[in-house]
C-alpha atoms as a PDB file:
ATOM      1  CA  MET A   1     -19.139  23.177  16.196  1.00  0.00           C
ATOM      2  CA  GLY A   2     -20.887  20.612  18.380  1.00  0.00           C
ATOM      3  CA  TRP A   3     -19.679  17.880  16.026  1.00  0.00           C
ATOM      4  CA  LEU A   4     -16.130  19.512  16.190  1.00  0.00           C
ATOM      5  CA  ILE A   5     -16.227  19.914  19.426  1.00  0.00           C
ATOM      6  CA  CYS A   6     -17.064  15.872  19.983  1.00  0.00           C
ATOM      7  CA  LEU A   7     -14.055  14.532  17.119  1.00  0.00           C
ATOM      8  CA  CYS A   8     -11.399  16.686  19.330  1.00  0.00           C
ATOM      9  CA  ALA A   9     -12.729  15.618  22.370  1.00  0.00           C
ATOM     10  CA  ILE A  10     -12.456  11.751  21.265  1.00  0.00           C
ATOM     11  CA  ILE A  11      -8.785  11.743  19.501  1.00  0.00           C
ATOM     12  CA  GLY A  12      -7.541  14.196  22.509  1.00  0.00           C
ATOM     13  CA  ARG A  13      -9.010  11.654  25.015  1.00  0.00           C
ATOM     14  CA  GLU A  14      -7.429   8.782  23.201  1.00  0.00           C
ATOM     15  CA  LEU A  15      -4.088  10.565  22.584  1.00  0.00           C
ATOM     16  CA  LEU A  16      -3.705  11.433  26.500  1.00  0.00           C
ATOM     17  CA  ARG A  17      -4.618   7.914  27.595  1.00  0.00           C
ATOM     18  CA  PHE A  18      -1.941   6.572  25.186  1.00  0.00           C
ATOM     19  CA  LEU A  19       0.864   9.264  26.570  1.00  0.00           C
ATOM     20  CA  ASN A  20      -0.635   8.305  30.159  1.00  0.00           C
ATOM     21  CA  GLN A  21       0.378   4.306  29.428  1.00  0.00           C
ATOM     22  CA  PRO A  22       4.346   4.706  28.491  1.00  0.00           C
ATOM     23  CA  THR A  23       4.528   0.746  28.750  1.00  0.00           C
ATOM     24  CA  ARG A  24       1.566   0.884  25.596  1.00  0.00           C
ATOM     25  CA  LEU A  25       4.264   3.034  23.515  1.00  0.00           C
ATOM     26  CA  VAL A  26       7.318   0.348  24.428  1.00  0.00           C
ATOM     27  CA  SER A  27       5.434  -3.251  24.031  1.00  0.00           C
ATOM     28  CA  ALA A  28       4.552  -1.249  20.542  1.00  0.00           C
ATOM     29  CA  LEU A  29       8.172  -0.750  19.096  1.00  0.00           C
ATOM     30  CA  VAL A  30       9.689  -3.827  20.923  1.00  0.00           C
ATOM     31  CA  ARG A  31       7.869  -6.330  19.037  1.00  0.00           C
ATOM     32  CA  PRO A  32       8.848  -4.854  15.687  1.00  0.00           C
ATOM     33  CA  LEU A  33      12.296  -3.905  16.477  1.00  0.00           C
ATOM     34  CA  LEU A  34      12.732  -6.981  17.390  1.00  0.00           C
ATOM     35  CA  TRP A  35      11.998  -8.577  14.312  1.00  0.00           C
ATOM     36  CA  LEU A  36      13.852  -5.570  12.637  1.00  0.00           C
ATOM     37  CA  LEU A  37      17.145  -6.584  14.630  1.00  0.00           C
ATOM     38  CA  VAL A  38      17.049 -10.262  14.865  1.00  0.00           C
ATOM     39  CA  PHE A  39      15.493 -11.307  11.501  1.00  0.00           C
ATOM     40  CA  ALA A  40      16.155  -8.799   9.201  1.00  0.00           C
ATOM     41  CA  THR A  41      19.546 -10.527   8.358  1.00  0.00           C
ATOM     42  CA  GLY A  42      17.806 -14.244   7.800  1.00  0.00           C
ATOM     43  CA  PHE A  43      15.329 -12.110   5.490  1.00  0.00           C
ATOM     44  CA  ARG A  44      18.134 -10.894   3.223  1.00  0.00           C
ATOM     45  CA  ALA A  45      19.769 -14.296   3.084  1.00  0.00           C
ATOM     46  CA  ALA A  46      16.375 -15.958   1.810  1.00  0.00           C
ATOM     47  CA  LEU A  47      15.753 -12.960  -0.281  1.00  0.00           C
ATOM     48  CA  GLY A  48      19.818 -13.493  -1.821  1.00  0.00           C
ATOM     49  CA  ILE A  49      21.009 -10.238  -0.523  1.00  0.00           C
ATOM     50  CA  ALA A  50      24.589  -9.812   0.676  1.00  0.00           C
ATOM     51  CA  ILE A  51      25.132  -9.387   4.224  1.00  0.00           C
ATOM     52  CA  ALA A  52      25.951  -6.045   5.798  1.00  0.00           C
ATOM     53  CA  PRO A  53      29.633  -5.769   6.604  1.00  0.00           C
ATOM     54  CA  PRO A  54      30.562  -5.754  10.329  1.00  0.00           C
ATOM     55  CA  TYR A  55      29.355  -2.956  12.844  1.00  0.00           C
ATOM     56  CA  GLN A  56      26.679  -2.211  10.173  1.00  0.00           C
ATOM     57  CA  THR A  57      23.162  -2.274  11.056  1.00  0.00           C
ATOM     58  CA  TYR A  58      20.703  -4.876  10.388  1.00  0.00           C
ATOM     59  CA  ILE A  59      18.219  -2.237   8.826  1.00  0.00           C
ATOM     60  CA  THR A  60      20.433  -1.991   5.363  1.00  0.00           C
ATOM     61  CA  TYR A  61      17.931  -3.694   3.300  1.00  0.00           C
ATOM     62  CA  SER A  62      14.520  -1.530   4.400  1.00  0.00           C
ATOM     63  CA  ILE A  63      12.528  -1.699   1.398  1.00  0.00           C
ATOM     64  CA  TYR A  64      11.491  -5.346   2.460  1.00  0.00           C
ATOM     65  CA  VAL A  65      11.776  -5.261   5.792  1.00  0.00           C
ATOM     66  CA  LEU A  66      10.476  -1.890   7.286  1.00  0.00           C
ATOM     67  CA  PRO A  67       7.422  -1.490   5.625  1.00  0.00           C
ATOM     68  CA  GLY A  68       6.029  -4.778   6.734  1.00  0.00           C
ATOM     69  CA  LEU A  69       6.811  -3.645  10.320  1.00  0.00           C
ATOM     70  CA  VAL A  70       5.506  -0.368  10.149  1.00  0.00           C
ATOM     71  CA  GLY A  71       2.076  -2.251   8.842  1.00  0.00           C
ATOM     72  CA  MET A  72       3.050  -4.801  12.203  1.00  0.00           C
ATOM     73  CA  VAL A  73       2.603  -1.410  14.291  1.00  0.00           C
ATOM     74  CA  GLN A  74      -0.820  -0.178  12.820  1.00  0.00           C
ATOM     75  CA  LEU A  75      -2.312  -4.030  12.714  1.00  0.00           C
ATOM     76  CA  PHE A  76      -1.450  -4.308  16.333  1.00  0.00           C
ATOM     77  CA  ASN A  77      -2.450  -1.140  17.415  1.00  0.00           C
ATOM     78  CA  ALA A  78      -5.852  -1.824  15.797  1.00  0.00           C
ATOM     79  CA  THR A  79      -5.931  -4.818  17.209  1.00  0.00           C
ATOM     80  CA  GLN A  80      -5.819  -3.035  20.982  1.00  0.00           C
ATOM     81  CA  SER A  81      -8.239  -0.439  20.151  1.00  0.00           C
ATOM     82  CA  SER A  82     -10.691  -2.915  19.243  1.00  0.00           C
ATOM     83  CA  LEU A  83     -10.071  -4.693  22.671  1.00  0.00           C
ATOM     84  CA  SER A  84     -10.273  -1.403  24.623  1.00  0.00           C
ATOM     85  CA  MET A  85     -13.448  -0.849  22.334  1.00  0.00           C
ATOM     86  CA  VAL A  86     -15.335  -3.794  23.716  1.00  0.00           C
ATOM     87  CA  TYR A  87     -14.637  -2.958  27.664  1.00  0.00           C
ATOM     88  CA  ASP A  88     -15.883   1.126  26.541  1.00  0.00           C
ATOM     89  CA  ARG A  89     -18.705  -0.229  25.134  1.00  0.00           C
ATOM     90  CA  GLU A  90     -20.023  -1.919  27.795  1.00  0.00           C
ATOM     91  CA  MET A  91     -18.651   0.368  30.691  1.00  0.00           C
ATOM     92  CA  GLY A  92     -16.508   2.666  29.589  1.00  0.00           C
ATOM     93  CA  SER A  93     -17.137   6.257  28.010  1.00  0.00           C
ATOM     94  CA  MET A  94     -18.631   4.888  24.471  1.00  0.00           C
ATOM     95  CA  ARG A  95     -21.437   3.812  26.221  1.00  0.00           C
ATOM     96  CA  VAL A  96     -22.099   7.130  27.495  1.00  0.00           C
ATOM     97  CA  LEU A  97     -21.433   8.708  23.736  1.00  0.00           C
ATOM     98  CA  LEU A  98     -23.336   6.000  22.026  1.00  0.00           C
ATOM     99  CA  THR A  99     -26.267   7.411  23.962  1.00  0.00           C
ATOM    100  CA  SER A 100     -25.587  11.229  22.971  1.00  0.00           C
ATOM    101  CA  PRO A 101     -27.851  13.295  20.430  1.00  0.00           C
ATOM    102  CA  LEU A 102     -24.819  12.655  17.748  1.00  0.00           C
ATOM    103  CA  PRO A 103     -25.542   9.909  14.903  1.00  0.00           C
ATOM    104  CA  ARG A 104     -24.301   6.786  16.078  1.00  0.00           C
ATOM    105  CA  TRP A 105     -22.175   6.662  12.965  1.00  0.00           C
ATOM    106  CA  TYR A 106     -20.054   9.745  13.234  1.00  0.00           C
ATOM    107  CA  LEU A 107     -19.109   8.768  16.750  1.00  0.00           C
ATOM    108  CA  ILE A 108     -17.618   5.551  14.779  1.00  0.00           C
ATOM    109  CA  ILE A 109     -16.022   7.308  12.514  1.00  0.00           C
ATOM    110  CA  CYS A 110     -14.445   9.704  15.221  1.00  0.00           C
ATOM    111  CA  LYS A 111     -13.379   6.546  17.265  1.00  0.00           C
ATOM    112  CA  LEU A 112     -11.838   5.313  14.243  1.00  0.00           C
ATOM    113  CA  LEU A 113      -9.731   8.420  13.434  1.00  0.00           C
ATOM    114  CA  ALA A 114      -8.686   8.551  17.279  1.00  0.00           C
ATOM    115  CA  GLY A 115      -7.749   5.298  16.364  1.00  0.00           C
ATOM    116  CA  ILE A 116      -5.527   6.503  13.785  1.00  0.00           C
ATOM    117  CA  ALA A 117      -4.145   9.228  15.502  1.00  0.00           C
ATOM    118  CA  VAL A 118      -2.522   6.811  18.374  1.00  0.00           C
ATOM    119  CA  SER A 119      -1.348   4.562  15.444  1.00  0.00           C
ATOM    120  CA  LEU A 120       0.426   7.429  13.974  1.00  0.00           C
ATOM    121  CA  VAL A 121       2.179   8.298  16.902  1.00  0.00           C
ATOM    122  CA  GLN A 122       3.671   4.897  17.310  1.00  0.00           C
ATOM    123  CA  VAL A 123       4.840   4.547  13.616  1.00  0.00           C
ATOM    124  CA  TYR A 124       6.885   7.867  13.654  1.00  0.00           C
ATOM    125  CA  ALA A 125       8.166   6.226  17.371  1.00  0.00           C
ATOM    126  CA  PHE A 126       9.337   3.185  15.433  1.00  0.00           C
ATOM    127  CA  LEU A 127      10.628   5.213  12.348  1.00  0.00           C
ATOM    128  CA  ALA A 128      12.388   7.585  14.463  1.00  0.00           C
ATOM    129  CA  VAL A 129      14.293   4.618  16.588  1.00  0.00           C
ATOM    130  CA  ALA A 130      14.582   2.731  13.287  1.00  0.00           C
ATOM    131  CA  TRP A 131      16.553   5.979  11.472  1.00  0.00           C
ATOM    132  CA  LEU A 132      18.682   6.325  14.620  1.00  0.00           C
ATOM    133  CA  CYS A 133      19.786   2.296  13.783  1.00  0.00           C
ATOM    134  CA  GLY A 134      20.717   3.276  10.469  1.00  0.00           C
ATOM    135  CA  ASP A 135      17.729   2.562   8.227  1.00  0.00           C
ATOM    136  CA  ASP A 136      18.333   4.154   4.566  1.00  0.00           C
ATOM    137  CA  ALA A 137      14.806   5.005   3.777  1.00  0.00           C
ATOM    138  CA  PRO A 138      14.851   8.427   1.931  1.00  0.00           C
ATOM    139  CA  PRO A 139      14.474  11.620   4.465  1.00  0.00           C
ATOM    140  CA  LEU A 140      11.049  12.691   2.509  1.00  0.00           C
ATOM    141  CA  GLY A 141      10.015   9.228   2.745  1.00  0.00           C
ATOM    142  CA  TYR A 142       8.571   9.970   6.278  1.00  0.00           C
ATOM    143  CA  LEU A 143       6.418  12.693   5.062  1.00  0.00           C
ATOM    144  CA  THR A 144       5.609  11.374   1.653  1.00  0.00           C
ATOM    145  CA  VAL A 145       4.440   8.041   3.698  1.00  0.00           C
ATOM    146  CA  LEU A 146       1.538   9.786   6.031  1.00  0.00           C
ATOM    147  CA  PRO A 147      -1.242   9.380   3.470  1.00  0.00           C
ATOM    148  CA  ALA A 148      -0.176   5.673   2.959  1.00  0.00           C
ATOM    149  CA  LEU A 149      -0.410   4.995   6.909  1.00  0.00           C
ATOM    150  CA  ILE A 150      -3.989   7.238   7.417  1.00  0.00           C
ATOM    151  CA  ALA A 151      -5.000   5.070   4.372  1.00  0.00           C
ATOM    152  CA  ASN A 152      -3.695   1.868   6.120  1.00  0.00           C
ATOM    153  CA  GLY A 153      -5.135   3.002   9.638  1.00  0.00           C
ATOM    154  CA  LEU A 154      -8.214   3.478   7.967  1.00  0.00           C
ATOM    155  CA  LEU A 155      -8.095  -0.275   6.620  1.00  0.00           C
ATOM    156  CA  LEU A 156      -6.896  -1.918   9.980  1.00  0.00           C
ATOM    157  CA  GLY A 157      -9.288   0.340  12.327  1.00  0.00           C
ATOM    158  CA  ALA A 158     -12.104  -0.061  10.430  1.00  0.00           C
ATOM    159  CA  LEU A 159     -11.110  -3.976  10.653  1.00  0.00           C
ATOM    160  CA  GLY A 160     -11.000  -3.621  14.276  1.00  0.00           C
ATOM    161  CA  LEU A 161     -14.243  -1.873  14.915  1.00  0.00           C
ATOM    162  CA  LEU A 162     -15.776  -4.555  13.189  1.00  0.00           C
ATOM    163  CA  LEU A 163     -14.679  -7.228  15.206  1.00  0.00           C
ATOM    164  CA  SER A 164     -14.980  -5.400  18.455  1.00  0.00           C
ATOM    165  CA  SER A 165     -19.240  -5.011  17.132  1.00  0.00           C
ATOM    166  CA  LEU A 166     -19.064  -9.058  16.924  1.00  0.00           C
ATOM    167  CA  ILE A 167     -17.054 -10.008  20.108  1.00  0.00           C
ATOM    168  CA  ARG A 168     -19.488  -9.757  23.512  1.00  0.00           C
ATOM    169  CA  GLN A 169     -16.628 -10.887  25.545  1.00  0.00           C
ATOM    170  CA  LEU A 170     -12.977  -9.704  26.114  1.00  0.00           C
ATOM    171  CA  GLU A 171     -11.816 -13.671  26.409  1.00  0.00           C
ATOM    172  CA  ASN A 172     -12.979 -14.048  22.742  1.00  0.00           C
ATOM    173  CA  PHE A 173      -9.594 -12.060  21.956  1.00  0.00           C
ATOM    174  CA  ALA A 174      -7.844 -14.811  21.970  1.00  0.00           C
ATOM    175  CA  GLY A 175      -9.529 -16.258  18.889  1.00  0.00           C
ATOM    176  CA  VAL A 176      -9.089 -13.208  17.249  1.00  0.00           C
ATOM    177  CA  MET A 177      -5.502 -12.934  17.376  1.00  0.00           C
ATOM    178  CA  ASN A 178      -4.998 -16.714  16.138  1.00  0.00           C
ATOM    179  CA  PHE A 179      -7.551 -16.346  13.694  1.00  0.00           C
ATOM    180  CA  VAL A 180      -7.121 -12.920  12.137  1.00  0.00           C
ATOM    181  CA  VAL A 181      -4.186 -10.994  13.090  1.00  0.00           C
ATOM    182  CA  PHE A 182      -1.859 -13.490  12.817  1.00  0.00           C
ATOM    183  CA  PRO A 183      -2.986 -14.736   9.804  1.00  0.00           C
ATOM    184  CA  MET A 184      -3.462 -11.632   8.032  1.00  0.00           C
ATOM    185  CA  PHE A 185      -0.345 -10.997   8.894  1.00  0.00           C
ATOM    186  CA  PHE A 186       2.336 -13.838   8.113  1.00  0.00           C
ATOM    187  CA  LEU A 187      -0.072 -14.329   4.772  1.00  0.00           C
ATOM    188  CA  SER A 188       1.212 -10.806   3.093  1.00  0.00           C
ATOM    189  CA  THR A 189       3.902  -9.404   1.798  1.00  0.00           C
ATOM    190  CA  ALA A 190       4.772  -8.019   5.382  1.00  0.00           C
ATOM    191  CA  LEU A 191       8.095 -10.162   5.431  1.00  0.00           C
ATOM    192  CA  TYR A 192       8.731 -11.403   2.291  1.00  0.00           C
ATOM    193  CA  PRO A 193       7.978 -10.179  -1.370  1.00  0.00           C
ATOM    194  CA  LEU A 194       5.562 -11.801  -3.315  1.00  0.00           C
ATOM    195  CA  TRP A 195       7.785 -13.252  -6.416  1.00  0.00           C
ATOM    196  CA  LYS A 196       9.944 -14.571  -3.384  1.00  0.00           C
ATOM    197  CA  ILE A 197       6.543 -16.410  -1.639  1.00  0.00           C
ATOM    198  CA  ARG A 198       5.648 -17.451  -5.480  1.00  0.00           C
ATOM    199  CA  GLU A 199       8.518 -19.151  -5.980  1.00  0.00           C
ATOM    200  CA  GLY A 200       7.689 -21.368  -2.374  1.00  0.00           C
ATOM    201  CA  SER A 201       4.043 -22.032  -3.162  1.00  0.00           C
ATOM    202  CA  ALA A 202       1.780 -20.309  -5.919  1.00  0.00           C
ATOM    203  CA  LEU A 203      -0.986 -21.504  -3.341  1.00  0.00           C
ATOM    204  CA  VAL A 204       0.108 -19.424  -0.584  1.00  0.00           C
ATOM    205  CA  ALA A 205       1.305 -16.364  -3.224  1.00  0.00           C
ATOM    206  CA  ASP A 206      -2.340 -16.274  -4.087  1.00  0.00           C
ATOM    207  CA  ILE A 207      -3.752 -16.220  -0.943  1.00  0.00           C
ATOM    208  CA  CYS A 208      -1.438 -13.147  -0.024  1.00  0.00           C
ATOM    209  CA  ALA A 209      -2.167 -11.379  -2.947  1.00  0.00           C
ATOM    210  CA  ALA A 210      -6.177 -11.861  -2.059  1.00  0.00           C
ATOM    211  CA  ASN A 211      -5.075 -10.432   1.282  1.00  0.00           C
ATOM    212  CA  PRO A 212      -6.078  -6.719   1.532  1.00  0.00           C
ATOM    213  CA  PHE A 213      -3.220  -6.238   4.659  1.00  0.00           C
ATOM    214  CA  THR A 214      -0.347  -6.713   1.529  1.00  0.00           C
ATOM    215  CA  TYR A 215      -2.006  -4.300  -0.166  1.00  0.00           C
ATOM    216  CA  GLY A 216      -1.758  -1.813   3.518  1.00  0.00           C
ATOM    217  CA  VAL A 217       2.106  -3.021   2.925  1.00  0.00           C
ATOM    218  CA  GLU A 218       2.471  -2.276  -0.630  1.00  0.00           C
ATOM    219  CA  LEU A 219       1.265   1.156  -0.400  1.00  0.00           C
ATOM    220  CA  ILE A 220       3.398   2.247   2.692  1.00  0.00           C
ATOM    221  CA  ARG A 221       6.391   0.596   0.818  1.00  0.00           C
ATOM    222  CA  PHE A 222       5.904   2.548  -2.275  1.00  0.00           C
ATOM    223  CA  ALA A 223       5.008   6.182  -0.521  1.00  0.00           C
ATOM    224  CA  LEU A 224       8.327   5.725   1.762  1.00  0.00           C
ATOM    225  CA  TYR A 225      10.241   5.849  -1.326  1.00  0.00           C
ATOM    226  CA  GLY A 226       8.280   8.904  -2.949  1.00  0.00           C
ATOM    227  CA  GLN A 227       6.139   6.944  -5.136  1.00  0.00           C
ATOM    228  CA  ILE A 228       2.302   5.826  -5.562  1.00  0.00           C
ATOM    229  CA  ASP A 229       0.686   2.371  -6.313  1.00  0.00           C
ATOM    230  CA  PRO A 230      -2.593   3.036  -7.534  1.00  0.00           C
ATOM    231  CA  VAL A 231      -4.139  -0.373  -7.408  1.00  0.00           C
ATOM    232  CA  ALA A 232      -3.158  -1.095  -3.859  1.00  0.00           C
ATOM    233  CA  THR A 233      -4.606   2.737  -3.221  1.00  0.00           C
ATOM    234  CA  LEU A 234      -7.906   1.740  -4.884  1.00  0.00           C
ATOM    235  CA  VAL A 235      -7.867  -1.789  -2.689  1.00  0.00           C
ATOM    236  CA  VAL A 236      -6.794  -0.190   0.589  1.00  0.00           C
ATOM    237  CA  LEU A 237      -9.753   2.755   0.357  1.00  0.00           C
ATOM    238  CA  GLY A 238     -12.589   0.506  -1.157  1.00  0.00           C
ATOM    239  CA  CYS A 239     -12.029  -2.251   1.647  1.00  0.00           C
ATOM    240  CA  GLY A 240     -11.313  -0.180   4.316  1.00  0.00           C
ATOM    241  CA  GLY A 241     -14.748   1.897   3.246  1.00  0.00           C
ATOM    242  CA  LEU A 242     -16.611  -1.375   3.139  1.00  0.00           C
ATOM    243  CA  LEU A 243     -15.309  -2.798   6.746  1.00  0.00           C
ATOM    244  CA  LEU A 244     -16.112   0.947   7.967  1.00  0.00           C
ATOM    245  CA  ALA A 245     -19.517   0.728   6.304  1.00  0.00           C
ATOM    246  CA  ALA A 246     -20.182  -2.973   8.344  1.00  0.00           C
ATOM    247  CA  ALA A 247     -18.755  -1.751  11.455  1.00  0.00           C
ATOM    248  CA  ILE A 248     -21.337   0.728  11.101  1.00  0.00           C
ATOM    249  CA  ILE A 249     -24.034  -1.668  10.359  1.00  0.00           C
ATOM    250  CA  GLY A 250     -22.879  -3.760  13.405  1.00  0.00           C
ATOM    251  CA  TYR A 251     -23.311  -0.649  16.142  1.00  0.00           C
ATOM    252  CA  SER A 252     -26.691   0.072  15.002  1.00  0.00           C
ATOM    253  CA  PRO A 253     -29.072   0.009  18.071  1.00  0.00           C
ATOM    254  CA  SER A 254     -31.488  -2.007  15.516  1.00  0.00           C
ATOM    255  CA  ARG A 255     -29.703  -4.773  15.205  1.00  0.00           C
ATOM    256  CA  GLY A 256     -28.598  -5.198  18.659  1.00  0.00           C
ATOM    257  CA  LEU A 257     -32.079  -5.292  19.183  1.00  0.00           C
ATOM    258  CA  VAL A 258     -32.620  -8.184  17.220  1.00  0.00           C
ATOM    259  CA  ARG A 259     -29.693 -10.045  18.352  1.00  0.00           C
ATOM    260  CA  ARG A 260     -31.600  -9.683  21.988  1.00  0.00           C
ATOM    261  CA  LYS A 261     -35.371 -10.940  20.607  1.00  0.00           C
ATOM    262  CA  ALA A 262     -33.227 -13.960  18.891  1.00  0.00           C
ATOM    263  CA  ALA A 263     -31.524 -14.608  22.541  1.00  0.00           C
END
């Protein structure tokens, strides 16, 4: 019962903190909506898709555009969660939680699940706006995509926790954005399908094929249309499990003691 109370408390705290920061929701929606409304036309033209008639929305070809932007919402949420984790670990509530009698690995998993819960709120808010703008995804897809969102949230959240275990100062997150987040997003199939990327550069296509985020986007893309991609499912869950294990090791007290002695 104590473990369940801890889980509910951490998830509830993260959701309340998110709901008490409306600007955070707005900022999470503005970025993908801007891409959706402005850049979708260029994407359709690059893919050889007919331009929509006048007065028709820019979101008519969501099979390529929408899943990648959903992945973008989760990717930047994972980055922001890891940013807050650095602060919480040093001066916030997580510093107290890590000294509680509960196992540290369980507290890390609770924090991960809380981040996934917040990302789901952001994603469904974005999907609601996209639907109002005329998104043509099947209505049932908003339900079938939920397991894919949880799996992709596990992958990206575990990556964020691993990064937060390695970074000691908030100022270093600028480097994370430049060398981790942006390459992870642009070198994936979030914007273009892999076959179109391969037409331009085989090397870039191979890099995209080795990017775990690519498989997260493909998992969302298939799930949004009621289908399952077995390869993407295995890659996302496998990489997410490995990253989570590495994050738990990164937050272990013995590792911290070794680093202090080395310093």
